[in-house]
């Protein structure tokens, strides 16, 4: 990929196009996890690549090109969310659970509640949890993507876990009930 970056820096638009095609899925997925709206995610991803192209000379290669563009996209997405803050804030502790009857519906309810609770986390915590748990990224990789210190990534993750525990505290009896149903 370094060769493509060098060509793109020299004005080769086709090389930049290849970089976009290779990195766009990761960038789009990351932005979507933050903004949770497909059209906004696509617009922000496109804006990130436009900015990357305009600032290609400032890319120093201390991280991969994909990480650099992803960091640009994350910053754009966070700014987008800040601009919409009154609409975007969700109180994670207010996510309510319906009372399921069967083991299967209990499991579905738990997963739905978890998804809603994750969606209600502050943007940086939500992204940290998703990158760590769903994508298996290390705190070092997350810190690089978010442009922060490793300790900040760890703190965001632990804060997210604490918020999720609080939001989902009422599920513990529900899960224990399900476990008891399987005991001999």
N, C-alpha and C. Protein backbone atom coordinates (compact mmCIF):
# COMPACT_ATOMS: atom_id res chain seq x y z
N UNK A 1 0.82 -1.19 0.00
CA UNK A 1 0.00 0.00 0.00
C UNK A 1 0.87 1.26 0.00
N UNK A 2 2.09 1.14 0.52
CA UNK A 2 2.99 2.30 0.55
C UNK A 2 3.27 2.83 -0.85
N UNK A 3 3.40 1.90 -1.80
CA UNK A 3 3.64 2.31 -3.18
C UNK A 3 2.47 3.09 -3.75
N UNK A 4 1.27 2.68 -3.41
CA UNK A 4 0.07 3.39 -3.86
C UNK A 4 0.02 4.79 -3.26
N UNK A 5 0.37 4.91 -2.00
CA UNK A 5 0.37 6.22 -1.35
C UNK A 5 1.39 7.12 -2.04
N UNK A 6 2.56 6.59 -2.32
CA UNK A 6 3.60 7.39 -2.98
C UNK A 6 3.12 7.86 -4.36
N UNK A 7 2.49 6.97 -5.10
CA UNK A 7 1.96 7.35 -6.42
C UNK A 7 0.86 8.40 -6.28
N UNK A 8 -0.02 8.21 -5.30
CA UNK A 8 -1.10 9.18 -5.09
C UNK A 8 -0.55 10.54 -4.71
N UNK A 9 0.52 10.55 -3.91
CA UNK A 9 1.15 11.82 -3.53
C UNK A 9 1.73 12.54 -4.75
N UNK A 10 2.09 11.78 -5.76
CA UNK A 10 2.63 12.36 -6.99
C UNK A 10 1.52 12.74 -7.97
N UNK A 11 0.27 12.60 -7.55
CA UNK A 11 -0.84 13.02 -8.39
C UNK A 11 -1.54 11.91 -9.14
N UNK A 12 -1.19 10.67 -8.90
CA UNK A 12 -1.82 9.53 -9.59
C UNK A 12 -3.19 9.27 -8.98
N UNK A 13 -4.24 9.73 -9.66
CA UNK A 13 -5.60 9.58 -9.15
C UNK A 13 -6.04 8.12 -9.13
N UNK A 14 -5.56 7.34 -10.07
CA UNK A 14 -5.93 5.93 -10.10
C UNK A 14 -5.40 5.21 -8.86
N UNK A 15 -4.19 5.56 -8.44
CA UNK A 15 -3.61 4.96 -7.23
C UNK A 15 -4.45 5.35 -6.01
N UNK A 16 -4.88 6.60 -5.97
CA UNK A 16 -5.73 7.02 -4.84
C UNK A 16 -7.06 6.28 -4.88
N UNK A 17 -7.58 6.06 -6.07
CA UNK A 17 -8.82 5.29 -6.23
C UNK A 17 -8.69 3.88 -5.67
N UNK A 18 -7.56 3.25 -5.88
CA UNK A 18 -7.32 1.91 -5.33
C UNK A 18 -7.28 1.98 -3.80
N UNK A 19 -6.62 3.00 -3.27
CA UNK A 19 -6.58 3.17 -1.81
C UNK A 19 -7.99 3.34 -1.25
N UNK A 20 -8.82 4.11 -1.94
CA UNK A 20 -10.20 4.31 -1.49
C UNK A 20 -10.94 2.98 -1.49
N UNK A 21 -10.84 2.23 -2.59
CA UNK A 21 -11.55 0.95 -2.68
C UNK A 21 -11.11 -0.03 -1.60
N UNK A 22 -9.84 -0.01 -1.26
CA UNK A 22 -9.33 -0.93 -0.24
C UNK A 22 -9.73 -0.53 1.18
N UNK A 23 -9.79 0.77 1.44
CA UNK A 23 -10.02 1.24 2.81
C UNK A 23 -11.47 1.63 3.10
N UNK A 24 -12.25 1.87 2.07
CA UNK A 24 -13.60 2.38 2.26
C UNK A 24 -14.50 1.49 3.11
N UNK A 25 -14.50 0.17 2.93
CA UNK A 25 -15.39 -0.64 3.78
C UNK A 25 -15.12 -0.48 5.27
N UNK A 26 -13.84 -0.48 5.67
CA UNK A 26 -13.50 -0.33 7.08
C UNK A 26 -13.90 1.05 7.59
N UNK A 27 -13.64 2.08 6.81
CA UNK A 27 -13.96 3.44 7.23
C UNK A 27 -15.48 3.60 7.35
N UNK A 28 -16.21 3.13 6.36
CA UNK A 28 -17.67 3.23 6.38
C UNK A 28 -18.26 2.49 7.57
N UNK A 29 -17.78 1.29 7.85
CA UNK A 29 -18.27 0.50 8.98
C UNK A 29 -18.02 1.23 10.30
N UNK A 30 -16.84 1.81 10.43
CA UNK A 30 -16.49 2.52 11.66
C UNK A 30 -17.35 3.76 11.84
N UNK A 31 -17.54 4.53 10.77
CA UNK A 31 -18.35 5.74 10.85
C UNK A 31 -19.81 5.38 11.14
N UNK A 32 -20.31 4.33 10.50
CA UNK A 32 -21.70 3.93 10.73
C UNK A 32 -21.93 3.57 12.19
N UNK A 33 -20.96 2.92 12.80
CA UNK A 33 -21.09 2.55 14.21
C UNK A 33 -21.21 3.77 15.10
N UNK A 34 -20.65 4.88 14.66
CA UNK A 34 -20.76 6.11 15.44
C UNK A 34 -22.07 6.84 15.18
N UNK A 35 -22.41 7.05 13.92
CA UNK A 35 -23.55 7.90 13.60
C UNK A 35 -24.86 7.14 13.48
N UNK A 36 -24.80 5.82 13.23
CA UNK A 36 -25.97 4.95 13.16
C UNK A 36 -27.01 5.39 12.12
N UNK A 37 -26.56 6.02 11.07
CA UNK A 37 -27.46 6.43 9.99
C UNK A 37 -26.68 6.24 8.68
N UNK A 38 -27.21 5.39 7.81
CA UNK A 38 -26.48 4.98 6.61
C UNK A 38 -26.09 6.15 5.71
N UNK A 39 -27.04 7.03 5.42
CA UNK A 39 -26.74 8.16 4.53
C UNK A 39 -25.68 9.08 5.13
N UNK A 40 -25.80 9.36 6.43
CA UNK A 40 -24.79 10.20 7.09
C UNK A 40 -23.42 9.52 7.07
N UNK A 41 -23.41 8.23 7.32
CA UNK A 41 -22.14 7.48 7.32
C UNK A 41 -21.49 7.53 5.94
N UNK A 42 -22.29 7.36 4.91
CA UNK A 42 -21.73 7.41 3.54
C UNK A 42 -21.21 8.80 3.22
N UNK A 43 -21.95 9.84 3.60
CA UNK A 43 -21.50 11.21 3.34
C UNK A 43 -20.21 11.52 4.10
N UNK A 44 -20.17 11.14 5.36
CA UNK A 44 -18.98 11.41 6.18
C UNK A 44 -17.77 10.63 5.67
N UNK A 45 -17.99 9.41 5.23
CA UNK A 45 -16.90 8.61 4.67
C UNK A 45 -16.35 9.27 3.41
N UNK A 46 -17.24 9.73 2.56
CA UNK A 46 -16.81 10.42 1.34
C UNK A 46 -16.04 11.70 1.69
N UNK A 47 -16.56 12.45 2.67
CA UNK A 47 -15.86 13.67 3.11
C UNK A 47 -14.46 13.35 3.63
N UNK A 48 -14.34 12.23 4.35
CA UNK A 48 -13.03 11.84 4.89
C UNK A 48 -12.04 11.57 3.77
N UNK A 49 -12.48 10.89 2.72
CA UNK A 49 -11.56 10.61 1.62
C UNK A 49 -11.22 11.88 0.83
N UNK A 50 -12.18 12.80 0.71
CA UNK A 50 -11.89 14.08 0.05
C UNK A 50 -10.83 14.83 0.86
N UNK A 51 -11.01 14.88 2.17
CA UNK A 51 -10.02 15.55 3.02
C UNK A 51 -8.67 14.86 2.96
N UNK A 52 -8.68 13.54 2.94
CA UNK A 52 -7.42 12.80 2.84
C UNK A 52 -6.71 13.14 1.54
N UNK A 53 -7.44 13.22 0.45
CA UNK A 53 -6.84 13.55 -0.84
C UNK A 53 -6.26 14.96 -0.81
N UNK A 54 -7.02 15.89 -0.24
CA UNK A 54 -6.56 17.28 -0.16
C UNK A 54 -5.33 17.43 0.73
N UNK A 55 -5.19 16.56 1.72
CA UNK A 55 -4.10 16.67 2.69
C UNK A 55 -3.10 15.53 2.56
N UNK A 56 -3.09 14.90 1.42
CA UNK A 56 -2.22 13.74 1.22
C UNK A 56 -0.75 14.05 1.50
N UNK A 57 -0.33 15.28 1.21
CA UNK A 57 1.06 15.65 1.47
C UNK A 57 1.40 15.63 2.96
N UNK A 58 0.38 15.77 3.82
CA UNK A 58 0.64 15.77 5.26
C UNK A 58 0.70 14.35 5.84
N UNK A 59 0.34 13.33 5.05
CA UNK A 59 0.42 11.95 5.53
C UNK A 59 1.89 11.56 5.64
N UNK A 60 2.33 11.25 6.85
CA UNK A 60 3.74 10.96 7.11
C UNK A 60 4.06 9.48 7.16
N UNK A 61 3.05 8.64 7.18
CA UNK A 61 3.30 7.21 7.19
C UNK A 61 3.60 6.63 8.56
N UNK A 62 3.32 7.38 9.63
CA UNK A 62 3.55 6.84 10.98
C UNK A 62 2.50 5.80 11.35
N UNK A 63 1.40 5.79 10.62
CA UNK A 63 0.38 4.75 10.74
C UNK A 63 0.05 4.31 9.32
N UNK A 64 -0.80 3.31 9.19
CA UNK A 64 -1.19 2.89 7.85
C UNK A 64 -2.10 3.95 7.24
N UNK A 65 -2.20 3.97 5.93
CA UNK A 65 -3.07 4.92 5.25
C UNK A 65 -4.51 4.72 5.72
N UNK A 66 -4.94 3.46 5.87
CA UNK A 66 -6.30 3.17 6.32
C UNK A 66 -6.58 3.72 7.70
N UNK A 67 -5.63 3.59 8.61
CA UNK A 67 -5.79 4.13 9.96
C UNK A 67 -5.88 5.65 9.91
N UNK A 68 -5.06 6.27 9.07
CA UNK A 68 -5.04 7.73 8.94
C UNK A 68 -6.39 8.24 8.43
N UNK A 69 -6.91 7.62 7.39
CA UNK A 69 -8.21 8.04 6.84
C UNK A 69 -9.31 7.75 7.85
N UNK A 70 -9.23 6.63 8.53
CA UNK A 70 -10.23 6.28 9.53
C UNK A 70 -10.25 7.31 10.65
N UNK A 71 -9.09 7.77 11.06
CA UNK A 71 -9.01 8.79 12.10
C UNK A 71 -9.66 10.09 11.63
N UNK A 72 -9.43 10.46 10.37
CA UNK A 72 -10.09 11.65 9.79
C UNK A 72 -11.60 11.46 9.83
N UNK A 73 -12.06 10.28 9.44
CA UNK A 73 -13.50 9.99 9.40
C UNK A 73 -14.11 10.01 10.79
N UNK A 74 -13.40 9.45 11.76
CA UNK A 74 -13.90 9.45 13.15
C UNK A 74 -14.05 10.88 13.65
N UNK A 75 -13.07 11.72 13.37
CA UNK A 75 -13.17 13.12 13.80
C UNK A 75 -14.35 13.82 13.14
N UNK A 76 -14.57 13.58 11.86
CA UNK A 76 -15.73 14.15 11.18
C UNK A 76 -17.03 13.64 11.80
N UNK A 77 -17.08 12.35 12.09
CA UNK A 77 -18.30 11.76 12.68
C UNK A 77 -18.56 12.32 14.07
N UNK A 78 -17.53 12.47 14.87
CA UNK A 78 -17.71 13.03 16.22
C UNK A 78 -18.18 14.49 16.14
N UNK A 79 -17.63 15.25 15.21
CA UNK A 79 -18.09 16.63 15.02
C UNK A 79 -19.55 16.65 14.57
N UNK A 80 -19.91 15.73 13.69
CA UNK A 80 -21.29 15.61 13.23
C UNK A 80 -22.22 15.31 14.41
N UNK A 81 -21.81 14.39 15.27
CA UNK A 81 -22.63 14.05 16.43
C UNK A 81 -22.75 15.21 17.42
N UNK A 82 -21.66 15.95 17.60
CA UNK A 82 -21.70 17.12 18.48
C UNK A 82 -22.70 18.15 17.97
N UNK A 83 -22.74 18.32 16.67
CA UNK A 83 -23.67 19.28 16.07
C UNK A 83 -25.12 18.85 16.27
N UNK A 84 -25.35 17.56 16.45
CA UNK A 84 -26.70 17.04 16.62
C UNK A 84 -26.96 16.58 18.06
N UNK A 85 -26.13 16.98 18.99
CA UNK A 85 -26.17 16.45 20.36
C UNK A 85 -27.55 16.39 20.99
N UNK A 86 -28.39 17.42 20.93
CA UNK A 86 -29.69 17.30 21.61
C UNK A 86 -30.50 16.10 21.13
N UNK A 87 -30.35 15.72 19.87
CA UNK A 87 -31.08 14.58 19.34
C UNK A 87 -30.35 13.27 19.60
N UNK A 88 -29.03 13.31 19.75
CA UNK A 88 -28.24 12.09 19.80
C UNK A 88 -28.09 11.51 21.21
N UNK A 89 -28.24 12.32 22.26
CA UNK A 89 -28.03 11.81 23.61
C UNK A 89 -29.12 10.82 23.99
N UNK A 90 -28.72 9.68 24.50
CA UNK A 90 -29.65 8.66 24.96
C UNK A 90 -29.22 8.28 26.37
N UNK A 91 -30.16 8.23 27.28
CA UNK A 91 -29.85 7.82 28.64
C UNK A 91 -29.83 6.30 28.69
N UNK A 92 -28.63 5.74 28.77
CA UNK A 92 -28.46 4.29 28.74
C UNK A 92 -29.22 3.62 29.87
N UNK A 93 -29.31 4.26 31.00
CA UNK A 93 -29.95 3.65 32.16
C UNK A 93 -31.46 3.51 31.99
N UNK A 94 -32.05 4.17 31.01
CA UNK A 94 -33.51 4.11 30.82
C UNK A 94 -33.97 3.06 29.84
N UNK A 95 -33.10 2.22 29.34
CA UNK A 95 -33.51 1.19 28.39
C UNK A 95 -34.33 0.15 29.16
N UNK A 96 -35.57 -0.03 28.74
CA UNK A 96 -36.49 -0.91 29.48
C UNK A 96 -36.53 -2.29 28.86
N UNK A 97 -36.74 -3.29 29.70
CA UNK A 97 -36.78 -4.68 29.23
C UNK A 97 -38.19 -5.24 29.31
N UNK A 98 -38.69 -5.80 28.21
CA UNK A 98 -39.96 -6.50 28.29
C UNK A 98 -39.76 -7.83 29.01
N UNK A 99 -40.82 -8.41 29.53
CA UNK A 99 -40.72 -9.67 30.26
C UNK A 99 -40.92 -10.83 29.30
N UNK A 100 -39.84 -11.51 28.89
CA UNK A 100 -39.96 -12.63 27.97
C UNK A 100 -40.46 -13.88 28.68
N UNK A 101 -41.02 -14.80 27.91
CA UNK A 101 -41.56 -16.02 28.49
C UNK A 101 -40.66 -17.22 28.25
N UNK A 102 -40.23 -17.42 27.02
CA UNK A 102 -39.44 -18.60 26.71
C UNK A 102 -37.95 -18.30 26.80
N UNK A 103 -37.17 -19.35 26.86
CA UNK A 103 -35.72 -19.21 26.90
C UNK A 103 -35.22 -18.51 25.64
N UNK A 104 -35.80 -18.87 24.51
CA UNK A 104 -35.40 -18.26 23.24
C UNK A 104 -35.74 -16.77 23.22
N UNK A 105 -36.91 -16.41 23.70
CA UNK A 105 -37.29 -14.99 23.71
C UNK A 105 -36.46 -14.22 24.74
N UNK A 106 -36.07 -14.89 25.84
CA UNK A 106 -35.20 -14.24 26.81
C UNK A 106 -33.85 -13.92 26.18
N UNK A 107 -33.30 -14.87 25.45
CA UNK A 107 -32.01 -14.64 24.79
C UNK A 107 -32.12 -13.51 23.78
N UNK A 108 -33.19 -13.51 22.99
CA UNK A 108 -33.40 -12.45 22.00
C UNK A 108 -33.53 -11.10 22.70
N UNK A 109 -34.26 -11.06 23.81
CA UNK A 109 -34.44 -9.83 24.56
C UNK A 109 -33.10 -9.33 25.11
N UNK A 110 -32.30 -10.23 25.63
CA UNK A 110 -30.99 -9.84 26.16
C UNK A 110 -30.15 -9.24 25.05
N UNK A 111 -30.12 -9.86 23.88
CA UNK A 111 -29.30 -9.35 22.78
C UNK A 111 -29.83 -8.00 22.28
N UNK A 112 -31.15 -7.86 22.20
CA UNK A 112 -31.73 -6.58 21.78
C UNK A 112 -31.40 -5.48 22.78
N UNK A 113 -31.52 -5.81 24.06
CA UNK A 113 -31.21 -4.82 25.11
C UNK A 113 -29.74 -4.44 25.07
N UNK A 114 -28.88 -5.43 24.87
CA UNK A 114 -27.45 -5.14 24.78
C UNK A 114 -27.16 -4.21 23.60
N UNK A 115 -27.75 -4.51 22.45
CA UNK A 115 -27.56 -3.65 21.28
C UNK A 115 -28.04 -2.23 21.54
N UNK A 116 -29.21 -2.10 22.19
CA UNK A 116 -29.73 -0.76 22.49
C UNK A 116 -28.85 -0.04 23.51
N UNK A 117 -28.37 -0.78 24.49
CA UNK A 117 -27.51 -0.17 25.50
C UNK A 117 -26.18 0.30 24.88
N UNK A 118 -25.62 -0.50 24.00
CA UNK A 118 -24.39 -0.10 23.31
C UNK A 118 -24.67 1.13 22.45
N UNK A 119 -25.79 1.14 21.76
CA UNK A 119 -26.16 2.29 20.91
C UNK A 119 -26.33 3.55 21.74
N UNK A 120 -26.71 3.41 23.01
CA UNK A 120 -26.91 4.56 23.88
C UNK A 120 -25.66 5.08 24.56
N UNK A 121 -24.55 4.40 24.38
CA UNK A 121 -23.30 4.87 24.99
C UNK A 121 -22.83 6.15 24.31
N UNK A 122 -22.05 6.97 25.01
CA UNK A 122 -21.43 8.12 24.34
C UNK A 122 -20.60 7.61 23.15
N UNK A 123 -20.49 8.41 22.10
CA UNK A 123 -19.85 7.94 20.85
C UNK A 123 -18.48 7.27 21.01
N UNK A 124 -17.57 7.88 21.77
CA UNK A 124 -16.24 7.29 21.91
C UNK A 124 -16.29 5.96 22.66
N UNK A 125 -17.13 5.88 23.69
CA UNK A 125 -17.27 4.61 24.41
C UNK A 125 -17.88 3.55 23.49
N UNK A 126 -18.91 3.92 22.75
CA UNK A 126 -19.56 2.97 21.84
C UNK A 126 -18.56 2.43 20.82
N UNK A 127 -17.81 3.33 20.21
CA UNK A 127 -16.85 2.90 19.21
C UNK A 127 -15.76 2.03 19.82
N UNK A 128 -15.29 2.38 21.01
CA UNK A 128 -14.25 1.60 21.68
C UNK A 128 -14.75 0.18 21.96
N UNK A 129 -15.97 0.06 22.47
CA UNK A 129 -16.54 -1.26 22.76
C UNK A 129 -16.67 -2.07 21.47
N UNK A 130 -17.20 -1.47 20.43
CA UNK A 130 -17.40 -2.20 19.18
C UNK A 130 -16.08 -2.62 18.54
N UNK A 131 -15.11 -1.73 18.56
CA UNK A 131 -13.80 -2.08 18.00
C UNK A 131 -13.12 -3.17 18.82
N UNK A 132 -13.26 -3.10 20.14
CA UNK A 132 -12.61 -4.08 21.02
C UNK A 132 -13.31 -5.43 21.00
N UNK A 133 -14.62 -5.43 21.15
CA UNK A 133 -15.36 -6.68 21.31
C UNK A 133 -15.74 -7.29 19.97
N UNK A 134 -16.31 -6.53 19.08
CA UNK A 134 -16.78 -7.09 17.81
C UNK A 134 -15.68 -7.25 16.77
N UNK A 135 -14.72 -6.31 16.76
CA UNK A 135 -13.65 -6.39 15.77
C UNK A 135 -12.37 -7.01 16.32
N UNK A 136 -12.29 -7.18 17.64
CA UNK A 136 -11.12 -7.80 18.25
C UNK A 136 -9.86 -6.94 18.20
N UNK A 137 -10.02 -5.62 18.10
CA UNK A 137 -8.86 -4.72 18.05
C UNK A 137 -8.24 -4.61 19.44
N UNK A 138 -6.94 -4.41 19.47
CA UNK A 138 -6.24 -4.19 20.73
C UNK A 138 -6.43 -2.72 21.13
N UNK A 139 -6.12 -2.42 22.39
CA UNK A 139 -6.22 -1.03 22.82
C UNK A 139 -5.21 -0.16 22.07
N UNK A 140 -4.09 -0.72 21.68
CA UNK A 140 -3.11 0.02 20.90
C UNK A 140 -3.69 0.39 19.53
N UNK A 141 -4.37 -0.56 18.89
CA UNK A 141 -4.99 -0.29 17.59
C UNK A 141 -6.13 0.72 17.72
N UNK A 142 -6.92 0.59 18.76
CA UNK A 142 -8.02 1.51 18.99
C UNK A 142 -7.47 2.92 19.23
N UNK A 143 -6.44 3.02 20.04
CA UNK A 143 -5.83 4.32 20.32
C UNK A 143 -5.32 4.96 19.03
N UNK A 144 -4.74 4.16 18.17
CA UNK A 144 -4.25 4.68 16.90
C UNK A 144 -5.40 5.19 16.04
N UNK A 145 -6.49 4.43 16.00
CA UNK A 145 -7.66 4.84 15.21
C UNK A 145 -8.31 6.11 15.76
N UNK A 146 -8.38 6.21 17.08
CA UNK A 146 -9.03 7.35 17.70
C UNK A 146 -8.09 8.53 17.90
N UNK A 147 -6.80 8.31 17.66
CA UNK A 147 -5.83 9.38 17.85
C UNK A 147 -5.69 9.78 19.31
N UNK A 148 -5.64 8.78 20.19
CA UNK A 148 -5.53 9.05 21.62
C UNK A 148 -4.49 8.11 22.23
N UNK A 149 -4.26 8.27 23.51
CA UNK A 149 -3.32 7.41 24.22
C UNK A 149 -3.98 6.06 24.51
N UNK A 150 -3.16 5.04 24.67
CA UNK A 150 -3.66 3.70 24.99
C UNK A 150 -4.47 3.73 26.29
N UNK A 151 -4.00 4.48 27.26
CA UNK A 151 -4.72 4.60 28.53
C UNK A 151 -6.11 5.20 28.34
N UNK A 152 -6.24 6.13 27.40
CA UNK A 152 -7.54 6.73 27.11
C UNK A 152 -8.47 5.70 26.51
N UNK A 153 -7.94 4.85 25.64
CA UNK A 153 -8.74 3.78 25.05
C UNK A 153 -9.22 2.83 26.14
N UNK A 154 -8.32 2.46 27.04
CA UNK A 154 -8.69 1.56 28.14
C UNK A 154 -9.73 2.20 29.05
N UNK A 155 -9.56 3.49 29.34
CA UNK A 155 -10.51 4.19 30.20
C UNK A 155 -11.89 4.26 29.54
N UNK A 156 -11.92 4.52 28.24
CA UNK A 156 -13.20 4.57 27.52
C UNK A 156 -13.88 3.20 27.55
N UNK A 157 -13.08 2.15 27.38
CA UNK A 157 -13.65 0.79 27.41
C UNK A 157 -14.22 0.48 28.79
N UNK A 158 -13.45 0.76 29.83
CA UNK A 158 -13.92 0.46 31.19
C UNK A 158 -15.13 1.32 31.56
N UNK A 159 -15.15 2.57 31.11
CA UNK A 159 -16.32 3.42 31.33
C UNK A 159 -17.54 2.86 30.62
N UNK A 160 -17.34 2.35 29.41
CA UNK A 160 -18.44 1.75 28.66
C UNK A 160 -18.97 0.51 29.37
N UNK A 161 -18.07 -0.32 29.85
CA UNK A 161 -18.49 -1.53 30.56
C UNK A 161 -19.29 -1.16 31.81
N UNK A 162 -18.84 -0.15 32.53
CA UNK A 162 -19.57 0.29 33.73
C UNK A 162 -20.96 0.80 33.36
N UNK A 163 -21.05 1.57 32.28
CA UNK A 163 -22.35 2.07 31.84
C UNK A 163 -23.26 0.94 31.37
N UNK A 164 -22.69 -0.04 30.71
CA UNK A 164 -23.49 -1.19 30.26
C UNK A 164 -23.97 -2.01 31.45
N UNK A 165 -23.13 -2.21 32.44
CA UNK A 165 -23.54 -2.95 33.64
C UNK A 165 -24.71 -2.24 34.32
N UNK A 166 -24.61 -0.92 34.40
CA UNK A 166 -25.67 -0.15 35.04
C UNK A 166 -26.97 -0.25 34.22
N UNK A 167 -26.86 -0.11 32.92
CA UNK A 167 -28.05 -0.15 32.05
C UNK A 167 -28.69 -1.52 32.01
N UNK A 168 -27.88 -2.56 32.19
CA UNK A 168 -28.39 -3.93 32.05
C UNK A 168 -28.47 -4.68 33.38
N UNK A 169 -28.37 -3.96 34.49
CA UNK A 169 -28.36 -4.59 35.81
C UNK A 169 -29.59 -5.45 36.05
N UNK A 170 -30.72 -5.04 35.53
CA UNK A 170 -31.95 -5.80 35.76
C UNK A 170 -31.99 -7.10 34.97
N UNK A 171 -31.06 -7.31 34.06
CA UNK A 171 -31.02 -8.55 33.29
C UNK A 171 -30.41 -9.71 34.06
N UNK A 172 -29.67 -9.45 35.10
CA UNK A 172 -29.02 -10.53 35.85
C UNK A 172 -30.05 -11.53 36.36
N UNK A 173 -31.15 -11.09 37.01
CA UNK A 173 -32.15 -12.09 37.43
C UNK A 173 -32.76 -12.83 36.25
N UNK A 174 -32.95 -12.13 35.14
CA UNK A 174 -33.51 -12.75 33.95
C UNK A 174 -32.58 -13.84 33.43
N UNK A 175 -31.29 -13.58 33.41
CA UNK A 175 -30.31 -14.55 32.93
C UNK A 175 -30.18 -15.70 33.92
N UNK A 176 -30.24 -15.41 35.23
CA UNK A 176 -30.16 -16.48 36.24
C UNK A 176 -31.37 -17.38 36.14
N UNK A 177 -32.53 -16.80 35.85
CA UNK A 177 -33.75 -17.59 35.69
C UNK A 177 -33.59 -18.55 34.52
N UNK A 178 -32.98 -18.08 33.44
CA UNK A 178 -32.74 -18.91 32.28
C UNK A 178 -31.77 -20.04 32.62
N UNK A 179 -30.73 -19.73 33.39
CA UNK A 179 -29.75 -20.74 33.79
C UNK A 179 -30.41 -21.80 34.67
N UNK A 180 -31.29 -21.38 35.57
CA UNK A 180 -31.96 -22.33 36.46
C UNK A 180 -32.88 -23.28 35.69
N UNK A 181 -33.42 -22.80 34.58
CA UNK A 181 -34.30 -23.63 33.76
C UNK A 181 -33.52 -24.81 33.17
N UNK A 182 -32.21 -24.66 33.02
CA UNK A 182 -31.39 -25.72 32.41
C UNK A 182 -30.74 -26.64 33.45
N UNK A 183 -30.95 -26.36 34.74
CA UNK A 183 -30.37 -27.19 35.77
C UNK A 183 -31.16 -28.50 35.90
N UNK A 184 -30.48 -29.59 36.24
CA UNK A 184 -31.19 -30.88 36.38
C UNK A 184 -32.09 -30.90 37.59
